[in-house]
């Protein structure tokens, strides 16, 4: 089965590092043009775009704080001007926050919920017009929301807003899927298990041994695991999958916070 991504455009939020970088790269490898969103430092986004462009691909970076409504609107116009439309929206950007329950902060709650949940809704709302441009019954546009296995399980760490936000992502996926499927936009989610990342690494001091031991596959996820699943959902093979939350592993019992 040929992917035929040569004329496709994908927007990956937080697409410059970790899981987002791997997703950006695999879409570029399959011929898609890649719009990489970043917010703070442009270093990672610039490096990822340079790697893609040096291999003959097409990648452009777009700065926007996607928790801010006006900046989402500006990014829509910038991408429309530079790339015309998008076929795939990968809502990957996310944040976590860990604090003891007794003094868990309002800032830690709001920051995570705004980025992990609010941004997905308004990105979907405002990019809908660009996603509709080439969407058809036989070749629908796709939205992939990156949730988390912690949105399905009780997490081992005191990350109250993170696990709650990811559960919300999974349900928002189903709600948006029901709304947009009639317009040939398919919405699905991925709930990744543990992958090496700055976010997870900071929580475990980059020692993943205990996590690997409690994973039935006895290893962390690899770039191919997450990127391959994303490609499947955006390909012809995934064109009959709607409103699904695909999780990348089951979880064995581990120490809990309750």
Protein backbone atom coordinates (compact mmCIF):
# COMPACT_ATOMS: atom_id res chain seq x y z
CA UNK A 1 0.00 0.00 0.00
CA UNK A 2 1.44 3.35 -1.05
CA UNK A 3 1.05 6.21 1.40
CA UNK A 4 0.84 8.96 -1.24
CA UNK A 5 1.84 11.69 1.20
CA UNK A 6 3.72 13.66 -1.45
CA UNK A 7 1.10 16.42 -1.64
CA UNK A 8 0.12 16.32 2.02
CA UNK A 9 0.83 18.93 4.69
CA UNK A 10 1.08 18.05 8.38
CA UNK A 11 1.15 20.42 11.36
CA UNK A 12 2.87 19.01 14.44
CA UNK A 13 2.60 21.07 17.61
CA UNK A 14 5.71 20.77 19.71
CA UNK A 15 7.21 19.13 16.65
CA UNK A 16 10.85 19.99 17.31
CA UNK A 17 11.80 17.49 20.00
CA UNK A 18 11.07 14.13 21.61
CA UNK A 19 7.92 12.43 20.26
CA UNK A 20 7.04 15.47 18.14
CA UNK A 21 10.39 15.37 16.39
CA UNK A 22 10.00 11.71 15.47
CA UNK A 23 6.52 12.36 14.11
CA UNK A 24 7.80 15.31 12.07
CA UNK A 25 10.61 13.23 10.64
CA UNK A 26 8.55 10.22 9.61
CA UNK A 27 5.99 12.38 7.81
CA UNK A 28 8.83 14.12 5.98
CA UNK A 29 10.34 10.74 5.08
CA UNK A 30 7.01 9.81 3.49
CA UNK A 31 7.01 12.99 1.40
CA UNK A 32 4.71 15.29 3.38
CA UNK A 33 5.49 18.95 3.96
CA UNK A 34 5.87 19.57 7.68
CA UNK A 35 4.82 22.63 9.67
CA UNK A 36 6.59 22.53 13.04
CA UNK A 37 5.03 24.58 15.82
CA UNK A 38 7.11 25.77 18.76
CA UNK A 39 6.64 28.31 21.52
CA UNK A 40 9.67 29.20 23.60
CA UNK A 41 13.12 28.46 22.23
CA UNK A 42 13.33 27.98 18.47
CA UNK A 43 16.51 25.87 18.72
CA UNK A 44 14.89 22.43 18.61
CA UNK A 45 12.39 23.39 15.92
CA UNK A 46 15.09 24.96 13.75
CA UNK A 47 17.33 21.91 14.13
CA UNK A 48 14.54 19.47 13.23
CA UNK A 49 13.52 21.56 10.22
CA UNK A 50 17.14 21.78 9.09
CA UNK A 51 17.52 18.00 9.32
CA UNK A 52 14.39 17.47 7.22
CA UNK A 53 15.32 20.08 4.63
CA UNK A 54 18.88 18.77 4.33
CA UNK A 55 17.44 15.39 3.28
CA UNK A 56 15.38 17.01 0.53
CA UNK A 57 12.19 17.34 2.53
CA UNK A 58 10.11 20.42 3.22
CA UNK A 59 9.79 21.75 6.76
CA UNK A 60 8.92 25.19 8.10
CA UNK A 61 8.67 26.41 11.66
CA UNK A 62 5.85 28.49 13.14
CA UNK A 63 6.07 30.19 16.52
CA UNK A 64 2.88 30.36 18.58
CA UNK A 65 1.83 29.96 22.18
CA UNK A 66 -1.07 27.67 21.39
CA UNK A 67 -2.70 28.32 24.76
CA UNK A 68 -3.43 31.85 23.52
CA UNK A 69 -6.41 32.22 21.21
CA UNK A 70 -4.99 35.16 19.24
CA UNK A 71 -1.71 33.36 18.57
CA UNK A 72 -3.58 30.34 17.23
CA UNK A 73 -5.43 32.65 14.83
CA UNK A 74 -2.14 34.18 13.65
CA UNK A 75 -0.61 30.74 13.08
CA UNK A 76 -3.60 29.69 10.98
CA UNK A 77 -3.05 32.68 8.73
CA UNK A 78 0.72 32.11 8.53
CA UNK A 79 0.31 28.46 7.54
CA UNK A 80 -2.44 29.32 5.07
CA UNK A 81 -0.14 31.87 3.43
CA UNK A 82 2.95 29.62 3.35
CA UNK A 83 1.48 26.16 2.77
CA UNK A 84 -2.10 26.73 1.60
CA UNK A 85 -3.83 24.10 3.70
CA UNK A 86 -3.16 21.17 6.00
CA UNK A 87 -4.23 17.55 5.76
CA UNK A 88 -3.07 16.29 9.15
CA UNK A 89 -3.12 18.06 12.52
CA UNK A 90 -1.03 16.34 15.18
CA UNK A 91 -1.83 17.83 18.60
CA UNK A 92 1.35 16.71 20.30
CA UNK A 93 2.49 19.63 22.50
CA UNK A 94 1.98 19.01 26.19
CA UNK A 95 3.17 19.78 29.70
CA UNK A 96 3.27 18.05 33.06
CA UNK A 97 3.42 19.31 36.63
CA UNK A 98 4.20 17.40 39.80
CA UNK A 99 3.58 18.59 43.35
CA UNK A 100 2.26 17.04 46.56
CA UNK A 101 -1.51 17.12 46.84
CA UNK A 102 -1.48 19.38 49.90
CA UNK A 103 0.19 22.28 48.09
CA UNK A 104 -0.50 21.56 44.44
CA UNK A 105 -0.58 25.02 42.85
CA UNK A 106 -3.20 26.77 40.77
CA UNK A 107 -0.47 27.60 38.27
CA UNK A 108 0.40 23.92 37.95
CA UNK A 109 -3.23 23.13 37.28
CA UNK A 110 -3.92 25.91 34.77
CA UNK A 111 -0.69 25.61 32.79
CA UNK A 112 -1.22 21.92 32.13
CA UNK A 113 -4.94 22.09 31.40
CA UNK A 114 -4.51 25.05 29.05
CA UNK A 115 -1.80 23.41 26.96
CA UNK A 116 -2.99 19.81 27.08
CA UNK A 117 -6.73 20.34 26.63
CA UNK A 118 -7.76 23.90 25.77
CA UNK A 119 -5.25 24.22 22.95
CA UNK A 120 -6.48 21.04 21.26
CA UNK A 121 -10.03 22.33 21.10
CA UNK A 122 -9.18 25.73 19.66
CA UNK A 123 -6.54 24.43 17.26
CA UNK A 124 -9.13 22.01 15.91
CA UNK A 125 -11.76 24.74 15.71
CA UNK A 126 -9.54 27.27 13.94
CA UNK A 127 -7.72 24.85 11.60
CA UNK A 128 -10.95 23.18 10.51
CA UNK A 129 -11.25 25.43 7.44
CA UNK A 130 -7.78 24.39 6.23
CA UNK A 131 -8.43 20.73 7.00
CA UNK A 132 -11.60 20.85 4.91
CA UNK A 133 -9.90 22.13 1.76
CA UNK A 134 -8.80 18.72 0.47
CA UNK A 135 -10.83 16.41 2.68
CA UNK A 136 -13.03 13.90 0.86
CA UNK A 137 -14.96 10.71 1.53
CA UNK A 138 -12.17 8.59 0.06
CA UNK A 139 -9.31 10.66 1.46
CA UNK A 140 -10.33 12.33 4.74
CA UNK A 141 -8.21 14.75 6.71
CA UNK A 142 -6.97 13.54 10.10
CA UNK A 143 -6.49 14.92 13.58
CA UNK A 144 -4.35 12.92 15.99
CA UNK A 145 -4.37 13.95 19.64
CA UNK A 146 -1.50 12.73 21.80
CA UNK A 147 -2.92 11.63 25.13
CA UNK A 148 -1.18 9.39 27.64
CA UNK A 149 -1.42 6.03 29.33
CA UNK A 150 -1.74 8.11 32.52
CA UNK A 151 -5.11 9.26 31.21
CA UNK A 152 -6.26 5.64 31.50
CA UNK A 153 -4.43 4.54 34.66
CA UNK A 154 -3.94 6.04 38.08
CA UNK A 155 -0.41 7.47 37.73
CA UNK A 156 2.46 6.59 40.01
CA UNK A 157 3.46 10.24 40.44
CA UNK A 158 1.59 13.19 41.92
CA UNK A 159 0.77 14.76 38.58
CA UNK A 160 -2.87 15.56 39.24
CA UNK A 161 -3.48 18.01 36.42
CA UNK A 162 -1.50 15.94 33.90
CA UNK A 163 -3.39 12.67 34.29
CA UNK A 164 -6.71 14.52 34.46
CA UNK A 165 -5.87 16.51 31.33
CA UNK A 166 -4.96 13.40 29.37
CA UNK A 167 -8.20 11.67 30.33
CA UNK A 168 -9.93 14.81 29.05
CA UNK A 169 -7.95 14.57 25.80
CA UNK A 170 -9.22 11.04 25.25
CA UNK A 171 -12.84 12.01 25.77
CA UNK A 172 -12.52 15.24 23.80
CA UNK A 173 -11.21 13.08 20.96
CA UNK A 174 -14.42 11.06 20.94
CA UNK A 175 -16.58 14.18 21.11
CA UNK A 176 -14.73 15.88 18.23
CA UNK A 177 -14.72 12.66 16.22
CA UNK A 178 -18.50 12.46 16.37
CA UNK A 179 -18.79 16.10 15.33
CA UNK A 180 -16.30 16.16 12.45
CA UNK A 181 -16.60 12.72 10.86
CA UNK A 182 -19.57 13.89 8.75
CA UNK A 183 -17.25 16.51 7.22
CA UNK A 184 -14.55 13.97 6.32
CA UNK A 185 -12.23 14.88 9.17
CA UNK A 186 -11.29 11.85 11.28
CA UNK A 187 -10.22 12.41 14.87
CA UNK A 188 -8.29 9.78 16.86
CA UNK A 189 -5.93 9.74 19.82
CA UNK A 190 -2.79 7.92 20.87
CA UNK A 191 -2.12 7.23 24.55
CA UNK A 192 1.64 6.62 24.66
CA UNK A 193 3.29 4.64 27.36
CA UNK A 194 6.77 5.65 28.53
CA UNK A 195 9.13 7.11 25.94
CA UNK A 196 12.49 8.77 26.60
CA UNK A 197 11.78 12.49 26.84
CA UNK A 198 12.72 15.62 28.71
CA UNK A 199 9.38 15.46 30.54
CA UNK A 200 9.63 11.86 31.75
CA UNK A 201 13.38 12.04 32.24
CA UNK A 202 13.07 14.91 34.70
CA UNK A 203 10.55 12.91 36.75
CA UNK A 204 12.82 9.86 37.15
CA UNK A 205 16.26 11.52 36.95
CA UNK A 206 16.71 9.83 33.56
CA UNK A 207 16.72 6.41 35.22
CA UNK A 208 14.12 4.41 33.31
CA UNK A 209 15.00 0.99 34.75
CA UNK A 210 11.98 0.72 37.08
CA UNK A 211 9.63 1.85 34.32
CA UNK A 212 11.08 -0.71 31.93
CA UNK A 213 10.68 -3.45 34.54
CA UNK A 214 6.98 -2.67 34.96
CA UNK A 215 6.28 -2.51 31.24
CA UNK A 216 5.08 -5.82 29.76
CA UNK A 217 7.42 -5.23 26.79
CA UNK A 218 10.31 -4.67 29.23
CA UNK A 219 11.51 -1.59 27.36
CA UNK A 220 10.71 2.02 26.65
CA UNK A 221 8.97 3.05 23.47
CA UNK A 222 11.07 3.86 20.42
CA UNK A 223 10.64 6.53 17.74
CA UNK A 224 9.36 3.88 15.35
CA UNK A 225 6.62 2.85 17.79
CA UNK A 226 4.96 6.25 18.08
CA UNK A 227 5.69 7.50 14.58
CA UNK A 228 4.52 4.30 12.93
CA UNK A 229 1.19 4.37 14.76
CA UNK A 230 0.68 8.01 13.76
CA UNK A 231 1.39 7.20 10.12
CA UNK A 232 -1.05 4.27 10.24
CA UNK A 233 -3.86 6.49 11.53
CA UNK A 234 -3.19 9.06 8.79
CA UNK A 235 -2.85 6.53 5.99
CA UNK A 236 -5.44 4.71 3.87
CA UNK A 237 -5.10 1.81 6.32
CA UNK A 238 -6.51 4.01 9.09
CA UNK A 239 -9.26 5.66 7.07
CA UNK A 240 -12.00 3.62 8.76
CA UNK A 241 -10.77 4.32 12.30
CA UNK A 242 -12.69 7.09 14.06
CA UNK A 243 -12.73 8.21 17.69
CA UNK A 244 -10.26 5.56 18.81
CA UNK A 245 -7.76 5.91 21.65
CA UNK A 246 -4.82 3.68 20.73
CA UNK A 247 -2.59 2.93 23.70
CA UNK A 248 0.90 1.65 23.14
CA UNK A 249 1.13 -0.77 26.05
CA UNK A 250 -0.73 -2.19 29.01
CA UNK A 251 0.61 -1.47 32.46
CA UNK A 252 1.58 -3.89 35.18
CA UNK A 253 0.78 -2.94 38.77
CA UNK A 254 3.24 -0.47 40.26
CA UNK A 255 3.51 1.74 43.34
CA UNK A 256 0.59 4.14 43.46
CA UNK A 257 0.02 7.52 45.00
CA UNK A 258 -3.15 6.26 46.74
